[in-house]
Amino acid sequence: MAELNAEKRDDLDKGSFAFPKQRKEPLEDATHVRNAIARFNQVKDVSDDERDEAWKRIKAAAKKHGVDVKEKSWREIGK
């Protein structure tokens, strides 16, 4: 995974994150996308609506970076 130090992370626009309001889970490359999926249920203080929107962003980033996502919904993660 490409290292995202604080400076690089701060330079990313909000659209580069699964959760842009909170600037959580960057989606810069395939490794970050896989990490965002793996850590999805660990993100705190977000609503189900925010999770729905984040899942859409993750699915789009996964397609862009060639990451296979088997889950149809974030509610299926880990099941």
N, C-alpha and C. Protein backbone atom coordinates (compact mmCIF):
# COMPACT_ATOMS: atom_id res chain seq x y z
N MET A 1 0.86 -1.17 0.00
CA MET A 1 0.00 0.00 0.00
C MET A 1 0.90 1.23 0.00
N ALA A 2 0.54 2.18 -0.80
CA ALA A 2 1.27 3.44 -0.82
C ALA A 2 1.07 4.13 0.53
N GLU A 3 2.18 4.57 1.08
CA GLU A 3 2.14 5.25 2.38
C GLU A 3 1.44 6.59 2.23
N LEU A 4 0.49 6.84 3.09
CA LEU A 4 -0.18 8.14 3.12
C LEU A 4 0.17 8.81 4.44
N ASN A 5 1.22 9.63 4.40
CA ASN A 5 1.55 10.36 5.62
C ASN A 5 0.54 11.48 5.80
N ALA A 6 0.63 12.18 6.90
CA ALA A 6 -0.36 13.21 7.22
C ALA A 6 -0.44 14.28 6.14
N GLU A 7 0.69 14.67 5.59
CA GLU A 7 0.69 15.71 4.56
C GLU A 7 -0.01 15.23 3.28
N LYS A 8 0.30 14.02 2.84
CA LYS A 8 -0.34 13.48 1.63
C LYS A 8 -1.84 13.29 1.86
N ARG A 9 -2.19 12.80 3.04
CA ARG A 9 -3.60 12.59 3.37
C ARG A 9 -4.37 13.91 3.38
N ASP A 10 -3.74 14.95 3.94
CA ASP A 10 -4.38 16.26 3.99
C ASP A 10 -4.56 16.86 2.60
N ASP A 11 -3.70 16.48 1.65
CA ASP A 11 -3.78 17.00 0.29
C ASP A 11 -4.90 16.34 -0.53
N LEU A 12 -5.40 15.20 -0.08
CA LEU A 12 -6.46 14.51 -0.82
C LEU A 12 -7.77 15.30 -0.72
N ASP A 13 -8.49 15.34 -1.84
CA ASP A 13 -9.80 16.00 -1.78
C ASP A 13 -10.78 15.07 -1.08
N LYS A 14 -11.88 15.62 -0.60
CA LYS A 14 -12.86 14.83 0.16
C LYS A 14 -13.39 13.64 -0.62
N GLY A 15 -13.49 13.77 -1.95
CA GLY A 15 -13.99 12.69 -2.77
C GLY A 15 -13.10 11.47 -2.83
N SER A 16 -11.90 11.57 -2.27
CA SER A 16 -10.95 10.46 -2.26
C SER A 16 -11.13 9.54 -1.06
N PHE A 17 -12.16 9.78 -0.27
CA PHE A 17 -12.40 8.99 0.93
C PHE A 17 -13.75 8.29 0.85
N ALA A 18 -13.84 7.13 1.46
CA ALA A 18 -15.13 6.43 1.55
C ALA A 18 -16.10 7.27 2.39
N PHE A 19 -15.60 7.85 3.44
CA PHE A 19 -16.38 8.70 4.33
C PHE A 19 -15.81 10.13 4.24
N PRO A 20 -16.21 10.90 3.25
CA PRO A 20 -15.57 12.19 3.01
C PRO A 20 -15.76 13.23 4.12
N LYS A 21 -16.92 13.24 4.75
CA LYS A 21 -17.17 14.23 5.82
C LYS A 21 -16.18 14.04 6.96
N GLN A 22 -15.88 12.78 7.27
CA GLN A 22 -14.96 12.46 8.36
C GLN A 22 -13.52 12.26 7.86
N ARG A 23 -13.35 12.27 6.52
CA ARG A 23 -12.04 12.01 5.90
C ARG A 23 -11.47 10.68 6.38
N LYS A 24 -12.34 9.65 6.34
CA LYS A 24 -11.94 8.31 6.77
C LYS A 24 -11.92 7.36 5.59
N GLU A 25 -10.98 6.45 5.59
CA GLU A 25 -10.82 5.39 4.59
C GLU A 25 -10.56 5.92 3.18
N PRO A 26 -9.30 6.30 2.93
CA PRO A 26 -8.94 6.76 1.59
C PRO A 26 -9.09 5.64 0.57
N LEU A 27 -9.35 6.02 -0.67
CA LEU A 27 -9.60 5.05 -1.75
C LEU A 27 -8.64 5.32 -2.92
N GLU A 28 -7.39 5.55 -2.63
CA GLU A 28 -6.41 5.96 -3.63
C GLU A 28 -5.91 4.85 -4.55
N ASP A 29 -5.94 3.62 -4.11
CA ASP A 29 -5.44 2.51 -4.92
C ASP A 29 -6.12 1.22 -4.46
N ALA A 30 -5.79 0.11 -5.13
CA ALA A 30 -6.45 -1.17 -4.82
C ALA A 30 -6.23 -1.59 -3.37
N THR A 31 -5.05 -1.38 -2.86
CA THR A 31 -4.77 -1.77 -1.48
C THR A 31 -5.61 -0.97 -0.50
N HIS A 32 -5.73 0.33 -0.74
CA HIS A 32 -6.56 1.16 0.13
C HIS A 32 -8.03 0.76 0.05
N VAL A 33 -8.49 0.39 -1.15
CA VAL A 33 -9.88 -0.05 -1.30
C VAL A 33 -10.11 -1.32 -0.49
N ARG A 34 -9.21 -2.29 -0.61
CA ARG A 34 -9.36 -3.54 0.16
C ARG A 34 -9.33 -3.24 1.66
N ASN A 35 -8.47 -2.32 2.07
CA ASN A 35 -8.39 -1.95 3.48
C ASN A 35 -9.68 -1.26 3.95
N ALA A 36 -10.25 -0.42 3.10
CA ALA A 36 -11.51 0.27 3.45
C ALA A 36 -12.63 -0.74 3.66
N ILE A 37 -12.65 -1.79 2.84
CA ILE A 37 -13.67 -2.83 3.00
C ILE A 37 -13.42 -3.60 4.30
N ALA A 38 -12.17 -3.96 4.55
CA ALA A 38 -11.83 -4.73 5.75
C ALA A 38 -12.14 -3.96 7.03
N ARG A 39 -11.96 -2.65 7.00
CA ARG A 39 -12.15 -1.83 8.20
C ARG A 39 -13.50 -1.15 8.27
N PHE A 40 -14.34 -1.40 7.28
CA PHE A 40 -15.62 -0.69 7.15
C PHE A 40 -16.43 -0.71 8.45
N ASN A 41 -16.57 -1.85 9.06
CA ASN A 41 -17.39 -1.97 10.27
C ASN A 41 -16.72 -1.38 11.51
N GLN A 42 -15.47 -0.96 11.39
CA GLN A 42 -14.76 -0.35 12.52
C GLN A 42 -14.94 1.16 12.56
N VAL A 43 -15.47 1.74 11.49
CA VAL A 43 -15.66 3.19 11.44
C VAL A 43 -16.77 3.58 12.41
N LYS A 44 -16.47 4.51 13.27
CA LYS A 44 -17.40 4.96 14.31
C LYS A 44 -18.05 6.29 13.95
N ASP A 45 -19.15 6.56 14.60
CA ASP A 45 -19.83 7.86 14.51
C ASP A 45 -20.29 8.22 13.09
N VAL A 46 -20.80 7.22 12.37
CA VAL A 46 -21.40 7.48 11.05
C VAL A 46 -22.77 6.81 11.01
N SER A 47 -23.67 7.43 10.28
CA SER A 47 -25.04 6.90 10.18
C SER A 47 -25.11 5.80 9.11
N ASP A 48 -26.21 5.09 9.10
CA ASP A 48 -26.42 4.08 8.06
C ASP A 48 -26.48 4.73 6.68
N ASP A 49 -27.05 5.93 6.60
CA ASP A 49 -27.08 6.65 5.31
C ASP A 49 -25.66 6.96 4.84
N GLU A 50 -24.80 7.38 5.77
CA GLU A 50 -23.40 7.65 5.41
C GLU A 50 -22.70 6.36 4.99
N ARG A 51 -23.03 5.25 5.65
CA ARG A 51 -22.46 3.96 5.26
C ARG A 51 -22.93 3.55 3.86
N ASP A 52 -24.19 3.80 3.56
CA ASP A 52 -24.71 3.49 2.22
C ASP A 52 -23.93 4.26 1.16
N GLU A 53 -23.72 5.55 1.40
CA GLU A 53 -22.99 6.38 0.45
C GLU A 53 -21.52 5.96 0.36
N ALA A 54 -20.93 5.64 1.50
CA ALA A 54 -19.53 5.18 1.50
C ALA A 54 -19.39 3.89 0.72
N TRP A 55 -20.36 2.99 0.85
CA TRP A 55 -20.31 1.71 0.13
C TRP A 55 -20.36 1.96 -1.38
N LYS A 56 -21.15 2.92 -1.81
CA LYS A 56 -21.21 3.26 -3.24
C LYS A 56 -19.84 3.75 -3.72
N ARG A 57 -19.19 4.59 -2.91
CA ARG A 57 -17.87 5.09 -3.28
C ARG A 57 -16.85 3.97 -3.31
N ILE A 58 -16.93 3.06 -2.34
CA ILE A 58 -16.00 1.93 -2.30
C ILE A 58 -16.20 1.04 -3.52
N LYS A 59 -17.46 0.75 -3.87
CA LYS A 59 -17.73 -0.10 -5.05
C LYS A 59 -17.19 0.55 -6.32
N ALA A 60 -17.37 1.86 -6.47
CA ALA A 60 -16.86 2.56 -7.65
C ALA A 60 -15.33 2.53 -7.68
N ALA A 61 -14.70 2.74 -6.53
CA ALA A 61 -13.24 2.70 -6.47
C ALA A 61 -12.73 1.29 -6.73
N ALA A 62 -13.44 0.29 -6.24
CA ALA A 62 -13.06 -1.10 -6.47
C ALA A 62 -13.07 -1.41 -7.96
N LYS A 63 -14.10 -0.97 -8.63
CA LYS A 63 -14.20 -1.19 -10.08
C LYS A 63 -13.04 -0.49 -10.80
N LYS A 64 -12.77 0.74 -10.41
CA LYS A 64 -11.70 1.53 -11.02
C LYS A 64 -10.34 0.87 -10.85
N HIS A 65 -10.11 0.27 -9.66
CA HIS A 65 -8.79 -0.29 -9.34
C HIS A 65 -8.73 -1.81 -9.51
N GLY A 66 -9.79 -2.41 -10.06
CA GLY A 66 -9.77 -3.84 -10.34
C GLY A 66 -9.87 -4.74 -9.12
N VAL A 67 -10.57 -4.28 -8.10
CA VAL A 67 -10.75 -5.06 -6.87
C VAL A 67 -12.09 -5.77 -6.94
N ASP A 68 -12.06 -7.09 -6.75
CA ASP A 68 -13.29 -7.89 -6.76
C ASP A 68 -13.99 -7.76 -5.41
N VAL A 69 -15.24 -7.33 -5.44
CA VAL A 69 -16.05 -7.20 -4.22
C VAL A 69 -17.22 -8.16 -4.35
N LYS A 70 -17.28 -9.14 -3.46
CA LYS A 70 -18.34 -10.14 -3.51
C LYS A 70 -19.62 -9.68 -2.82
N GLU A 71 -19.48 -8.85 -1.80
CA GLU A 71 -20.63 -8.37 -1.05
C GLU A 71 -21.43 -7.39 -1.90
N LYS A 72 -22.74 -7.54 -1.87
CA LYS A 72 -23.63 -6.63 -2.57
C LYS A 72 -23.94 -5.39 -1.73
N SER A 73 -23.83 -5.53 -0.41
CA SER A 73 -24.14 -4.46 0.52
C SER A 73 -23.10 -4.49 1.65
N TRP A 74 -22.91 -3.34 2.28
CA TRP A 74 -21.98 -3.29 3.41
C TRP A 74 -22.47 -4.15 4.57
N ARG A 75 -23.75 -4.41 4.60
CA ARG A 75 -24.31 -5.24 5.68
C ARG A 75 -23.87 -6.71 5.56
N GLU A 76 -23.32 -7.10 4.42
CA GLU A 76 -22.85 -8.47 4.21
C GLU A 76 -21.39 -8.66 4.60
N ILE A 77 -20.69 -7.60 4.91
CA ILE A 77 -19.26 -7.70 5.24
C ILE A 77 -19.09 -8.57 6.48
N GLY A 78 -18.20 -9.55 6.37
CA GLY A 78 -17.88 -10.42 7.50
C GLY A 78 -18.87 -11.51 7.75
N LYS A 79 -19.81 -11.73 6.85
CA LYS A 79 -20.82 -12.78 7.07
C LYS A 79 -20.53 -13.96 6.18
